[in-house]
Amino acid sequence: MDSHLVALLPVAAVWVAAGLVADGLPRLDRVRTLRRRTGWLIVLSLSGLGLMASVALAGLGTAGPTRADRAAAGLTLAVLPALVVAGSTVRRLHRLRAGAGAFATAPRVPVPPSLRAYAAHPLVGLPLQVTGLAMVPAVIATGGPGPEAGPLAGPALTLGLLGIAVIGVRHALRHSRLATRALPGTGGPAGTEAATGSAPATATLHV
């Protein structure tokens, strides 16, 4: 296996894992589980960013066209969504974990609708999943022996764009539905927060 492919596979694996964990956050039932999974997601996000930075620096540190340069070039499509992860998603994950941590005295309570809606925000899961999808064409292109892999990159990119569109619409619809349930007077958080005393903990999480 070529060294540039060896460098890209762990990056892709981390982002795909992060996307899967993020997709399941709004479906969690208990606050303790939500807090634990959010912690995992923070670690995966920072690991993915660190691995991408390492591959990019390795490419910049070589002179001429090398395998390290080819691996760094494979990150091109994933750079933009990764920047969104660094600038927005990680911050939102820390806020989500802090909100869930406010229930430390009652960790087995159900996840309040406001926390669930915040976990479903498109800027929480979508950038992670887009980054993982953006790594697929790079892995396919570098997995071939050379120019032969080129024809595979086009269809992979097209499928990736279609996948991003579908995932984006799904995130938007799910967040809208959960945010509506979290509004006062809709049978959402009012009853839950009254029963668990969670209103102060979730007031800072704007869905």
N, C-alpha and C. Protein backbone atom coordinates (compact mmCIF):
# COMPACT_ATOMS: atom_id res chain seq x y z
N MET A 1 0.84 -1.19 0.00
CA MET A 1 0.00 0.00 0.00
C MET A 1 0.87 1.24 0.00
N ASP A 2 0.57 2.19 -0.87
CA ASP A 2 1.37 3.40 -0.98
C ASP A 2 1.29 4.22 0.30
N SER A 3 2.39 4.94 0.57
CA SER A 3 2.45 5.70 1.82
C SER A 3 1.43 6.82 1.85
N HIS A 4 1.12 7.44 0.68
CA HIS A 4 0.14 8.53 0.69
C HIS A 4 -1.26 8.00 1.01
N LEU A 5 -1.55 6.77 0.57
CA LEU A 5 -2.84 6.18 0.90
C LEU A 5 -2.89 5.82 2.39
N VAL A 6 -1.78 5.34 2.92
CA VAL A 6 -1.70 5.04 4.35
C VAL A 6 -1.94 6.29 5.17
N ALA A 7 -1.47 7.45 4.67
CA ALA A 7 -1.66 8.70 5.40
C ALA A 7 -3.11 9.18 5.35
N LEU A 8 -3.80 8.92 4.25
CA LEU A 8 -5.17 9.43 4.10
C LEU A 8 -6.22 8.54 4.74
N LEU A 9 -5.97 7.24 4.80
CA LEU A 9 -6.98 6.33 5.34
C LEU A 9 -7.35 6.64 6.80
N PRO A 10 -6.37 6.88 7.70
CA PRO A 10 -6.77 7.22 9.07
C PRO A 10 -7.57 8.52 9.15
N VAL A 11 -7.22 9.49 8.30
CA VAL A 11 -7.95 10.76 8.29
C VAL A 11 -9.41 10.51 7.91
N ALA A 12 -9.59 9.75 6.82
CA ALA A 12 -10.95 9.45 6.37
C ALA A 12 -11.72 8.65 7.42
N ALA A 13 -11.06 7.68 8.05
CA ALA A 13 -11.73 6.84 9.05
C ALA A 13 -12.20 7.67 10.25
N VAL A 14 -11.39 8.61 10.69
CA VAL A 14 -11.76 9.44 11.84
C VAL A 14 -12.96 10.31 11.52
N TRP A 15 -12.97 10.91 10.30
CA TRP A 15 -14.08 11.79 9.95
C TRP A 15 -15.37 11.01 9.72
N VAL A 16 -15.26 9.84 9.13
CA VAL A 16 -16.46 9.01 8.94
C VAL A 16 -17.03 8.60 10.30
N ALA A 17 -16.15 8.21 11.23
CA ALA A 17 -16.61 7.84 12.57
C ALA A 17 -17.27 9.03 13.26
N ALA A 18 -16.68 10.21 13.12
CA ALA A 18 -17.26 11.41 13.73
C ALA A 18 -18.64 11.70 13.15
N GLY A 19 -18.80 11.53 11.84
CA GLY A 19 -20.09 11.77 11.22
C GLY A 19 -21.15 10.81 11.72
N LEU A 20 -20.78 9.55 11.92
CA LEU A 20 -21.74 8.56 12.42
C LEU A 20 -22.16 8.87 13.85
N VAL A 21 -21.18 9.24 14.70
CA VAL A 21 -21.51 9.57 16.09
C VAL A 21 -22.40 10.80 16.15
N ALA A 22 -22.08 11.82 15.34
CA ALA A 22 -22.87 13.05 15.34
C ALA A 22 -24.29 12.80 14.88
N ASP A 23 -24.46 11.91 13.91
CA ASP A 23 -25.80 11.64 13.40
C ASP A 23 -26.70 11.02 14.46
N GLY A 24 -26.12 10.32 15.40
CA GLY A 24 -26.92 9.66 16.42
C GLY A 24 -27.19 10.50 17.66
N LEU A 25 -26.56 11.66 17.79
CA LEU A 25 -26.75 12.47 18.99
C LEU A 25 -28.21 12.81 19.28
N PRO A 26 -28.98 13.30 18.29
CA PRO A 26 -30.37 13.69 18.61
C PRO A 26 -31.27 12.51 18.98
N ARG A 27 -30.83 11.29 18.74
CA ARG A 27 -31.66 10.12 19.04
C ARG A 27 -31.39 9.54 20.43
N LEU A 28 -30.40 10.09 21.14
CA LEU A 28 -30.06 9.56 22.46
C LEU A 28 -31.15 9.91 23.47
N ASP A 29 -31.38 9.01 24.42
CA ASP A 29 -32.48 9.17 25.37
C ASP A 29 -32.05 9.78 26.70
N ARG A 30 -30.82 9.51 27.14
CA ARG A 30 -30.39 9.93 28.47
C ARG A 30 -29.31 11.00 28.38
N VAL A 31 -29.37 11.93 29.34
CA VAL A 31 -28.41 13.04 29.35
C VAL A 31 -26.99 12.53 29.55
N ARG A 32 -26.82 11.51 30.40
CA ARG A 32 -25.49 10.97 30.64
C ARG A 32 -24.87 10.44 29.33
N THR A 33 -25.67 9.73 28.55
CA THR A 33 -25.18 9.20 27.28
C THR A 33 -24.86 10.33 26.31
N LEU A 34 -25.71 11.35 26.28
CA LEU A 34 -25.47 12.49 25.40
C LEU A 34 -24.16 13.17 25.74
N ARG A 35 -23.90 13.36 27.01
CA ARG A 35 -22.65 14.01 27.42
C ARG A 35 -21.45 13.17 27.05
N ARG A 36 -21.54 11.85 27.25
CA ARG A 36 -20.42 10.97 26.93
C ARG A 36 -20.15 10.94 25.42
N ARG A 37 -21.21 10.82 24.62
CA ARG A 37 -21.02 10.77 23.18
C ARG A 37 -20.50 12.11 22.64
N THR A 38 -20.96 13.21 23.24
CA THR A 38 -20.46 14.51 22.81
C THR A 38 -18.97 14.63 23.10
N GLY A 39 -18.53 14.09 24.24
CA GLY A 39 -17.10 14.07 24.53
C GLY A 39 -16.32 13.27 23.51
N TRP A 40 -16.85 12.10 23.13
CA TRP A 40 -16.20 11.31 22.08
C TRP A 40 -16.09 12.13 20.79
N LEU A 41 -17.15 12.84 20.48
CA LEU A 41 -17.20 13.58 19.23
C LEU A 41 -16.19 14.72 19.23
N ILE A 42 -16.00 15.35 20.37
CA ILE A 42 -14.99 16.40 20.47
C ILE A 42 -13.60 15.81 20.21
N VAL A 43 -13.33 14.65 20.80
CA VAL A 43 -12.03 14.00 20.61
C VAL A 43 -11.83 13.62 19.14
N LEU A 44 -12.86 13.05 18.51
CA LEU A 44 -12.76 12.67 17.10
C LEU A 44 -12.54 13.89 16.22
N SER A 45 -13.25 14.98 16.50
CA SER A 45 -13.12 16.19 15.69
C SER A 45 -11.71 16.76 15.79
N LEU A 46 -11.20 16.86 17.01
CA LEU A 46 -9.85 17.40 17.19
C LEU A 46 -8.80 16.46 16.59
N SER A 47 -9.05 15.14 16.69
CA SER A 47 -8.11 14.18 16.09
C SER A 47 -8.10 14.33 14.57
N GLY A 48 -9.29 14.46 13.97
CA GLY A 48 -9.35 14.64 12.53
C GLY A 48 -8.64 15.90 12.08
N LEU A 49 -8.85 17.00 12.81
CA LEU A 49 -8.17 18.25 12.46
C LEU A 49 -6.66 18.11 12.62
N GLY A 50 -6.24 17.43 13.69
CA GLY A 50 -4.81 17.24 13.90
C GLY A 50 -4.16 16.37 12.83
N LEU A 51 -4.85 15.30 12.42
CA LEU A 51 -4.31 14.44 11.37
C LEU A 51 -4.23 15.17 10.04
N MET A 52 -5.24 15.98 9.72
CA MET A 52 -5.21 16.75 8.48
C MET A 52 -4.05 17.74 8.49
N ALA A 53 -3.85 18.39 9.63
CA ALA A 53 -2.75 19.35 9.73
C ALA A 53 -1.40 18.65 9.57
N SER A 54 -1.27 17.45 10.13
CA SER A 54 -0.01 16.70 10.02
C SER A 54 0.28 16.32 8.57
N VAL A 55 -0.76 15.83 7.86
CA VAL A 55 -0.56 15.46 6.45
C VAL A 55 -0.22 16.69 5.61
N ALA A 56 -0.91 17.79 5.87
CA ALA A 56 -0.64 19.02 5.10
C ALA A 56 0.77 19.53 5.37
N LEU A 57 1.20 19.51 6.62
CA LEU A 57 2.55 19.98 6.94
C LEU A 57 3.61 19.08 6.35
N ALA A 58 3.34 17.78 6.30
CA ALA A 58 4.29 16.85 5.69
C ALA A 58 4.45 17.16 4.21
N GLY A 59 3.34 17.52 3.54
CA GLY A 59 3.42 17.87 2.13
C GLY A 59 4.17 19.17 1.90
N LEU A 60 3.95 20.14 2.78
CA LEU A 60 4.63 21.43 2.63
C LEU A 60 6.12 21.32 2.94
N GLY A 61 6.48 20.33 3.74
CA GLY A 61 7.88 20.20 4.12
C GLY A 61 8.73 19.44 3.13
N THR A 62 8.18 19.05 2.00
CA THR A 62 8.96 18.33 0.98
C THR A 62 9.12 19.18 -0.26
N ALA A 63 10.19 18.98 -0.95
CA ALA A 63 10.46 19.71 -2.18
C ALA A 63 10.17 18.82 -3.38
N GLY A 64 9.42 19.38 -4.36
CA GLY A 64 9.11 18.62 -5.56
C GLY A 64 7.93 17.70 -5.35
N PRO A 65 7.47 17.07 -6.42
CA PRO A 65 6.31 16.16 -6.33
C PRO A 65 6.69 14.85 -5.62
N THR A 66 6.17 14.64 -4.44
CA THR A 66 6.44 13.44 -3.66
C THR A 66 5.11 12.81 -3.24
N ARG A 67 5.21 11.66 -2.60
CA ARG A 67 4.00 11.00 -2.11
C ARG A 67 3.34 11.83 -1.02
N ALA A 68 4.15 12.53 -0.22
CA ALA A 68 3.58 13.40 0.80
C ALA A 68 2.78 14.54 0.17
N ASP A 69 3.28 15.05 -0.96
CA ASP A 69 2.55 16.10 -1.67
C ASP A 69 1.22 15.56 -2.20
N ARG A 70 1.25 14.34 -2.71
CA ARG A 70 0.03 13.74 -3.25
C ARG A 70 -0.99 13.52 -2.14
N ALA A 71 -0.53 13.11 -0.97
CA ALA A 71 -1.44 12.92 0.15
C ALA A 71 -2.03 14.26 0.60
N ALA A 72 -1.19 15.29 0.66
CA ALA A 72 -1.68 16.61 1.05
C ALA A 72 -2.68 17.15 0.05
N ALA A 73 -2.44 16.90 -1.25
CA ALA A 73 -3.38 17.35 -2.27
C ALA A 73 -4.73 16.66 -2.14
N GLY A 74 -4.74 15.46 -1.58
CA GLY A 74 -5.99 14.74 -1.40
C GLY A 74 -6.90 15.38 -0.36
N LEU A 75 -6.36 16.29 0.43
CA LEU A 75 -7.17 16.95 1.45
C LEU A 75 -7.90 18.18 0.92
N THR A 76 -7.68 18.53 -0.35
CA THR A 76 -8.20 19.79 -0.88
C THR A 76 -9.70 19.94 -0.68
N LEU A 77 -10.47 18.92 -1.04
CA LEU A 77 -11.93 19.01 -0.95
C LEU A 77 -12.42 19.08 0.50
N ALA A 78 -11.64 18.52 1.41
CA ALA A 78 -12.08 18.45 2.80
C ALA A 78 -11.68 19.67 3.62
N VAL A 79 -10.89 20.56 3.05
CA VAL A 79 -10.38 21.69 3.82
C VAL A 79 -11.50 22.61 4.28
N LEU A 80 -12.41 22.98 3.38
CA LEU A 80 -13.46 23.94 3.73
C LEU A 80 -14.38 23.41 4.83
N PRO A 81 -14.96 22.19 4.69
CA PRO A 81 -15.79 21.71 5.80
C PRO A 81 -15.01 21.51 7.09
N ALA A 82 -13.73 21.15 6.98
CA ALA A 82 -12.92 21.00 8.19
C ALA A 82 -12.73 22.33 8.90
N LEU A 83 -12.62 23.41 8.13
CA LEU A 83 -12.52 24.74 8.73
C LEU A 83 -13.81 25.11 9.45
N VAL A 84 -14.94 24.70 8.89
CA VAL A 84 -16.23 24.93 9.56
C VAL A 84 -16.27 24.15 10.88
N VAL A 85 -15.74 22.93 10.87
CA VAL A 85 -15.68 22.14 12.10
C VAL A 85 -14.84 22.87 13.14
N ALA A 86 -13.68 23.36 12.72
CA ALA A 86 -12.78 24.04 13.66
C ALA A 86 -13.38 25.34 14.17
N GLY A 87 -14.07 26.08 13.29
CA GLY A 87 -14.56 27.39 13.67
C GLY A 87 -15.92 27.40 14.34
N SER A 88 -16.74 26.37 14.11
CA SER A 88 -18.10 26.40 14.64
C SER A 88 -18.49 25.11 15.37
N THR A 89 -18.26 23.97 14.74
CA THR A 89 -18.77 22.71 15.29
C THR A 89 -18.15 22.39 16.65
N VAL A 90 -16.84 22.53 16.78
CA VAL A 90 -16.18 22.20 18.04
C VAL A 90 -16.72 23.09 19.17
N ARG A 91 -16.92 24.36 18.87
CA ARG A 91 -17.48 25.27 19.88
C ARG A 91 -18.89 24.84 20.29
N ARG A 92 -19.71 24.46 19.32
CA ARG A 92 -21.07 24.01 19.61
C ARG A 92 -21.07 22.71 20.41
N LEU A 93 -20.14 21.84 20.11
CA LEU A 93 -20.05 20.59 20.86
C LEU A 93 -19.69 20.84 22.32
N HIS A 94 -18.79 21.79 22.55
CA HIS A 94 -18.43 22.12 23.93
C HIS A 94 -19.64 22.69 24.67
N ARG A 95 -20.44 23.52 23.99
CA ARG A 95 -21.64 24.07 24.62
C ARG A 95 -22.67 22.97 24.89
N LEU A 96 -22.80 22.04 23.96
CA LEU A 96 -23.73 20.94 24.15
C LEU A 96 -23.31 20.07 25.33
N ARG A 97 -22.03 19.79 25.43
CA ARG A 97 -21.53 18.98 26.54
C ARG A 97 -21.71 19.69 27.87
N ALA A 98 -21.48 21.01 27.87
CA ALA A 98 -21.69 21.78 29.10
C ALA A 98 -23.17 21.78 29.50
N GLY A 99 -24.06 21.90 28.51
CA GLY A 99 -25.48 21.85 28.81
C GLY A 99 -25.90 20.52 29.39
N ALA A 100 -25.35 19.44 28.82
CA ALA A 100 -25.67 18.11 29.35
C ALA A 100 -25.03 17.91 30.72
N GLY A 101 -23.86 18.53 30.93
CA GLY A 101 -23.18 18.40 32.22
C GLY A 101 -23.91 19.07 33.36
N ALA A 102 -24.83 19.99 33.04
CA ALA A 102 -25.61 20.65 34.08
C ALA A 102 -26.55 19.67 34.79
N PHE A 103 -26.73 18.49 34.19
CA PHE A 103 -27.61 17.47 34.78
C PHE A 103 -26.81 16.43 35.56
N ALA A 104 -25.63 16.81 36.05
CA ALA A 104 -24.76 15.85 36.73
C ALA A 104 -25.42 15.23 37.95
N THR A 105 -26.32 15.98 38.59
CA THR A 105 -26.99 15.44 39.78
C THR A 105 -28.15 14.51 39.42
N ALA A 106 -28.56 14.54 38.16
CA ALA A 106 -29.66 13.65 37.72
C ALA A 106 -29.34 13.14 36.32
N PRO A 107 -28.28 12.34 36.19
CA PRO A 107 -27.80 11.94 34.86
C PRO A 107 -28.73 11.01 34.10
N ARG A 108 -29.71 10.40 34.79
CA ARG A 108 -30.58 9.45 34.11
C ARG A 108 -31.86 10.07 33.58
N VAL A 109 -31.99 11.38 33.72
CA VAL A 109 -33.19 12.05 33.20
C VAL A 109 -33.17 12.01 31.67
N PRO A 110 -34.33 12.04 31.05
CA PRO A 110 -34.38 12.09 29.58
C PRO A 110 -33.76 13.38 29.05
N VAL A 111 -33.29 13.33 27.82
CA VAL A 111 -32.71 14.52 27.19
C VAL A 111 -33.83 15.53 26.95
N PRO A 112 -33.71 16.75 27.47
CA PRO A 112 -34.74 17.77 27.22
C PRO A 112 -34.82 18.10 25.73
N PRO A 113 -36.00 18.50 25.24
CA PRO A 113 -36.15 18.83 23.83
C PRO A 113 -35.21 19.92 23.35
N SER A 114 -34.88 20.89 24.23
CA SER A 114 -33.97 21.95 23.81
C SER A 114 -32.57 21.42 23.52
N LEU A 115 -32.08 20.51 24.37
CA LEU A 115 -30.77 19.90 24.12
C LEU A 115 -30.81 19.01 22.88
N ARG A 116 -31.91 18.30 22.70
CA ARG A 116 -32.04 17.42 21.54
C ARG A 116 -32.03 18.25 20.25
N ALA A 117 -32.74 19.37 20.25
CA ALA A 117 -32.77 20.23 19.07
C ALA A 117 -31.40 20.84 18.80
N TYR A 118 -30.69 21.20 19.87
CA TYR A 118 -29.35 21.77 19.68
C TYR A 118 -28.40 20.72 19.10
N ALA A 119 -28.54 19.47 19.57
CA ALA A 119 -27.70 18.40 19.04
C ALA A 119 -27.98 18.14 17.57
N ALA A 120 -29.20 18.47 17.11
CA ALA A 120 -29.57 18.25 15.71
C ALA A 120 -29.26 19.43 14.82
N HIS A 121 -28.66 20.49 15.37
CA HIS A 121 -28.36 21.67 14.55
C HIS A 121 -27.46 21.27 13.38
N PRO A 122 -27.74 21.78 12.17
CA PRO A 122 -26.91 21.41 11.00
C PRO A 122 -25.43 21.69 11.18
N LEU A 123 -25.07 22.71 11.94
CA LEU A 123 -23.65 23.03 12.12
C LEU A 123 -22.97 22.12 13.14
N VAL A 124 -23.71 21.20 13.73
CA VAL A 124 -23.10 20.20 14.60
C VAL A 124 -22.70 18.97 13.80
N GLY A 125 -23.64 18.38 13.09
CA GLY A 125 -23.35 17.13 12.39
C GLY A 125 -22.95 17.27 10.94
N LEU A 126 -23.54 18.25 10.23
CA LEU A 126 -23.31 18.34 8.79
C LEU A 126 -21.85 18.57 8.42
N PRO A 127 -21.12 19.51 9.04
CA PRO A 127 -19.71 19.69 8.65
C PRO A 127 -18.86 18.44 8.85
N LEU A 128 -19.15 17.68 9.90
CA LEU A 128 -18.40 16.44 10.14
C LEU A 128 -18.66 15.42 9.04
N GLN A 129 -19.92 15.28 8.66
CA GLN A 129 -20.27 14.30 7.63
C GLN A 129 -19.78 14.75 6.25
N VAL A 130 -19.83 16.04 5.98
CA VAL A 130 -19.32 16.53 4.69
C VAL A 130 -17.82 16.31 4.59
N THR A 131 -17.11 16.54 5.69
CA THR A 131 -15.66 16.30 5.67
C THR A 131 -15.36 14.83 5.39
N GLY A 132 -16.13 13.93 6.00
CA GLY A 132 -15.93 12.51 5.73
C GLY A 132 -16.21 12.16 4.29
N LEU A 133 -17.29 12.71 3.73
CA LEU A 133 -17.60 12.45 2.32
C LEU A 133 -16.55 13.03 1.39
N ALA A 134 -16.01 14.19 1.76
CA ALA A 134 -15.00 14.82 0.91
C ALA A 134 -13.71 14.02 0.86
N MET A 135 -13.49 13.16 1.86
CA MET A 135 -12.29 12.33 1.85
C MET A 135 -12.42 11.13 0.93
N VAL A 136 -13.65 10.76 0.55
CA VAL A 136 -13.85 9.56 -0.28
C VAL A 136 -13.19 9.69 -1.65
N PRO A 137 -13.41 10.80 -2.40
CA PRO A 137 -12.73 10.90 -3.70
C PRO A 137 -11.21 10.89 -3.57
N ALA A 138 -10.69 11.47 -2.49
CA ALA A 138 -9.24 11.49 -2.30
C ALA A 138 -8.70 10.09 -2.10
N VAL A 139 -9.38 9.29 -1.28
CA VAL A 139 -8.92 7.93 -1.03
C VAL A 139 -9.01 7.09 -2.31
N ILE A 140 -10.10 7.27 -3.07
CA ILE A 140 -10.25 6.51 -4.32
C ILE A 140 -9.18 6.91 -5.33
N ALA A 141 -8.94 8.22 -5.44
CA ALA A 141 -7.96 8.70 -6.42
C ALA A 141 -6.55 8.26 -6.09
N THR A 142 -6.20 8.27 -4.80
CA THR A 142 -4.85 7.88 -4.41
C THR A 142 -4.71 6.37 -4.26
N GLY A 143 -5.83 5.66 -4.28
CA GLY A 143 -5.77 4.21 -4.12
C GLY A 143 -5.31 3.49 -5.36
N GLY A 144 -5.40 4.17 -6.52
CA GLY A 144 -4.96 3.57 -7.76
C GLY A 144 -3.47 3.71 -7.96
N PRO A 145 -2.91 3.01 -8.94
CA PRO A 145 -1.47 3.06 -9.17
C PRO A 145 -1.01 4.36 -9.79
N GLY A 146 -1.91 5.21 -10.20
CA GLY A 146 -1.47 6.45 -10.84
C GLY A 146 -2.60 7.07 -11.61
N PRO A 147 -2.39 7.41 -12.90
CA PRO A 147 -3.43 8.06 -13.68
C PRO A 147 -4.68 7.21 -13.84
N GLU A 148 -4.54 5.86 -13.67
CA GLU A 148 -5.71 5.01 -13.85
C GLU A 148 -6.82 5.33 -12.86
N ALA A 149 -6.46 5.90 -11.72
CA ALA A 149 -7.46 6.21 -10.71
C ALA A 149 -8.24 7.46 -11.05
N GLY A 150 -7.74 8.24 -12.02
CA GLY A 150 -8.38 9.50 -12.38
C GLY A 150 -9.84 9.37 -12.76
N PRO A 151 -10.24 8.43 -13.66
CA PRO A 151 -11.64 8.32 -14.04
C PRO A 151 -12.57 8.00 -12.89
N LEU A 152 -12.05 7.40 -11.82
CA LEU A 152 -12.90 7.08 -10.68
C LEU A 152 -13.20 8.31 -9.83
N ALA A 153 -12.33 9.31 -9.88
CA ALA A 153 -12.51 10.48 -9.02
C ALA A 153 -13.74 11.28 -9.41
N GLY A 154 -14.05 11.36 -10.73
CA GLY A 154 -15.20 12.14 -11.19
C GLY A 154 -16.52 11.60 -10.66
N PRO A 155 -16.83 10.33 -10.90
CA PRO A 155 -18.07 9.76 -10.33
C PRO A 155 -18.11 9.83 -8.81
N ALA A 156 -16.98 9.63 -8.15
CA ALA A 156 -16.96 9.70 -6.69
C ALA A 156 -17.30 11.11 -6.22
N LEU A 157 -16.78 12.12 -6.93
CA LEU A 157 -17.09 13.51 -6.57
C LEU A 157 -18.57 13.81 -6.77
N THR A 158 -19.14 13.31 -7.90
CA THR A 158 -20.56 13.54 -8.16
C THR A 158 -21.43 12.90 -7.09
N LEU A 159 -21.12 11.65 -6.75
CA LEU A 159 -21.89 10.97 -5.71
C LEU A 159 -21.74 11.68 -4.36
N GLY A 160 -20.53 12.20 -4.12
CA GLY A 160 -20.30 12.92 -2.87
C GLY A 160 -21.15 14.17 -2.78
N LEU A 161 -21.25 14.93 -3.89
CA LEU A 161 -22.06 16.14 -3.90
C LEU A 161 -23.54 15.82 -3.71
N LEU A 162 -24.01 14.75 -4.35
CA LEU A 162 -25.39 14.34 -4.16
C LEU A 162 -25.64 13.92 -2.70
N GLY A 163 -24.68 13.22 -2.15
CA GLY A 163 -24.81 12.81 -0.76
C GLY A 163 -24.86 14.01 0.18
N ILE A 164 -24.04 15.02 -0.09
CA ILE A 164 -24.03 16.22 0.74
C ILE A 164 -25.38 16.93 0.67
N ALA A 165 -25.95 17.01 -0.54
CA ALA A 165 -27.25 17.67 -0.69
C ALA A 165 -28.33 16.93 0.10
N VAL A 166 -28.35 15.61 -0.01
CA VAL A 166 -29.36 14.82 0.70
C VAL A 166 -29.18 14.97 2.21
N ILE A 167 -27.95 14.87 2.68
CA ILE A 167 -27.69 14.97 4.11
C ILE A 167 -28.05 16.36 4.63
N GLY A 168 -27.74 17.40 3.83
CA GLY A 168 -28.06 18.75 4.26
C GLY A 168 -29.55 18.97 4.43
N VAL A 169 -30.33 18.48 3.47
CA VAL A 169 -31.80 18.61 3.58
C VAL A 169 -32.31 17.84 4.78
N ARG A 170 -31.77 16.65 5.00
CA ARG A 170 -32.20 15.84 6.15
C ARG A 170 -31.90 16.54 7.46
N HIS A 171 -30.71 17.12 7.60
CA HIS A 171 -30.35 17.85 8.82
C HIS A 171 -31.29 19.03 9.04
N ALA A 172 -31.55 19.78 7.98
CA ALA A 172 -32.41 20.96 8.11
C ALA A 172 -33.82 20.58 8.56
N LEU A 173 -34.38 19.52 7.96
CA LEU A 173 -35.73 19.10 8.32
C LEU A 173 -35.78 18.57 9.75
N ARG A 174 -34.79 17.80 10.14
CA ARG A 174 -34.79 17.24 11.50
C ARG A 174 -34.63 18.33 12.54
N HIS A 175 -33.73 19.28 12.27
CA HIS A 175 -33.54 20.36 13.23
C HIS A 175 -34.81 21.21 13.35
N SER A 176 -35.45 21.50 12.22
CA SER A 176 -36.67 22.30 12.25
C SER A 176 -37.75 21.61 13.07
N ARG A 177 -37.88 20.29 12.89
CA ARG A 177 -38.91 19.54 13.61
C ARG A 177 -38.63 19.54 15.11
N LEU A 178 -37.39 19.29 15.50
CA LEU A 178 -37.05 19.23 16.92
C LEU A 178 -37.07 20.61 17.56
N ALA A 179 -36.68 21.64 16.81
CA ALA A 179 -36.72 23.00 17.36
C ALA A 179 -38.16 23.43 17.61
N THR A 180 -39.08 23.02 16.74
CA THR A 180 -40.49 23.34 16.95
C THR A 180 -41.02 22.68 18.22
N ARG A 181 -40.60 21.45 18.44
CA ARG A 181 -41.04 20.75 19.65
C ARG A 181 -40.47 21.39 20.91
N ALA A 182 -39.31 22.05 20.78
CA ALA A 182 -38.67 22.65 21.95
C ALA A 182 -39.26 24.00 22.32
N LEU A 183 -40.13 24.56 21.47
CA LEU A 183 -40.71 25.87 21.77
C LEU A 183 -41.70 25.77 22.91
N PRO A 184 -41.74 26.78 23.80
CA PRO A 184 -42.73 26.78 24.89
C PRO A 184 -44.15 26.78 24.32
N GLY A 185 -45.03 26.03 24.97
CA GLY A 185 -46.41 25.99 24.54
C GLY A 185 -46.71 24.96 23.48
N THR A 186 -45.69 24.17 23.09
CA THR A 186 -45.92 23.16 22.06
C THR A 186 -45.83 21.75 22.64
N GLY A 187 -45.82 21.65 23.95
CA GLY A 187 -45.68 20.33 24.59
C GLY A 187 -44.25 19.86 24.60
N GLY A 188 -43.30 20.81 24.37
CA GLY A 188 -41.89 20.44 24.32
C GLY A 188 -41.22 20.55 25.66
N PRO A 189 -40.31 21.54 25.81
CA PRO A 189 -39.47 21.55 27.00
C PRO A 189 -40.17 21.99 28.26
N ALA A 190 -41.33 22.66 28.14
CA ALA A 190 -41.94 23.22 29.34
C ALA A 190 -42.21 22.15 30.38
N GLY A 191 -42.88 21.04 29.94
CA GLY A 191 -43.18 19.99 30.88
C GLY A 191 -41.95 19.28 31.37
N THR A 192 -40.99 19.01 30.47
CA THR A 192 -39.78 18.30 30.87
C THR A 192 -38.96 19.11 31.83
N GLU A 193 -38.80 20.41 31.54
CA GLU A 193 -37.97 21.24 32.39
C GLU A 193 -38.63 21.47 33.73
N ALA A 194 -39.97 21.52 33.73
CA ALA A 194 -40.64 21.70 35.00
C ALA A 194 -40.45 20.47 35.88
N ALA A 195 -40.41 19.30 35.25
CA ALA A 195 -40.28 18.06 36.01
C ALA A 195 -38.87 17.81 36.48
N THR A 196 -37.88 18.27 35.72
CA THR A 196 -36.49 17.97 36.04
C THR A 196 -35.73 19.16 36.56
N GLY A 197 -36.34 20.35 36.50
CA GLY A 197 -35.63 21.54 36.93
C GLY A 197 -34.51 21.91 36.00
N SER A 198 -34.66 21.68 34.69
CA SER A 198 -33.58 21.86 33.74
C SER A 198 -33.62 23.17 33.01
N ALA A 199 -34.56 24.04 33.28
CA ALA A 199 -34.69 25.28 32.53
C ALA A 199 -33.45 26.13 32.56
N PRO A 200 -32.79 26.36 33.74
CA PRO A 200 -31.60 27.18 33.74
C PRO A 200 -30.48 26.56 32.94
N ALA A 201 -30.41 25.21 32.89
CA ALA A 201 -29.30 24.55 32.20
C ALA A 201 -29.42 24.69 30.70
N THR A 202 -30.65 24.77 30.16
CA THR A 202 -30.81 24.78 28.73
C THR A 202 -31.09 26.15 28.16
N ALA A 203 -31.20 27.16 29.03
CA ALA A 203 -31.57 28.49 28.55
C ALA A 203 -30.51 29.09 27.64
N THR A 204 -29.25 28.69 27.80
CA THR A 204 -28.20 29.28 26.99
C THR A 204 -28.00 28.58 25.66
N LEU A 205 -28.69 27.48 25.43
CA LEU A 205 -28.54 26.76 24.18
C LEU A 205 -29.62 27.20 23.22
N HIS A 206 -29.26 28.08 22.30
CA HIS A 206 -30.23 28.59 21.34
C HIS A 206 -30.32 27.64 20.17
N VAL A 207 -31.49 27.02 20.00
CA VAL A 207 -31.66 26.03 18.95
C VAL A 207 -31.94 26.70 17.61
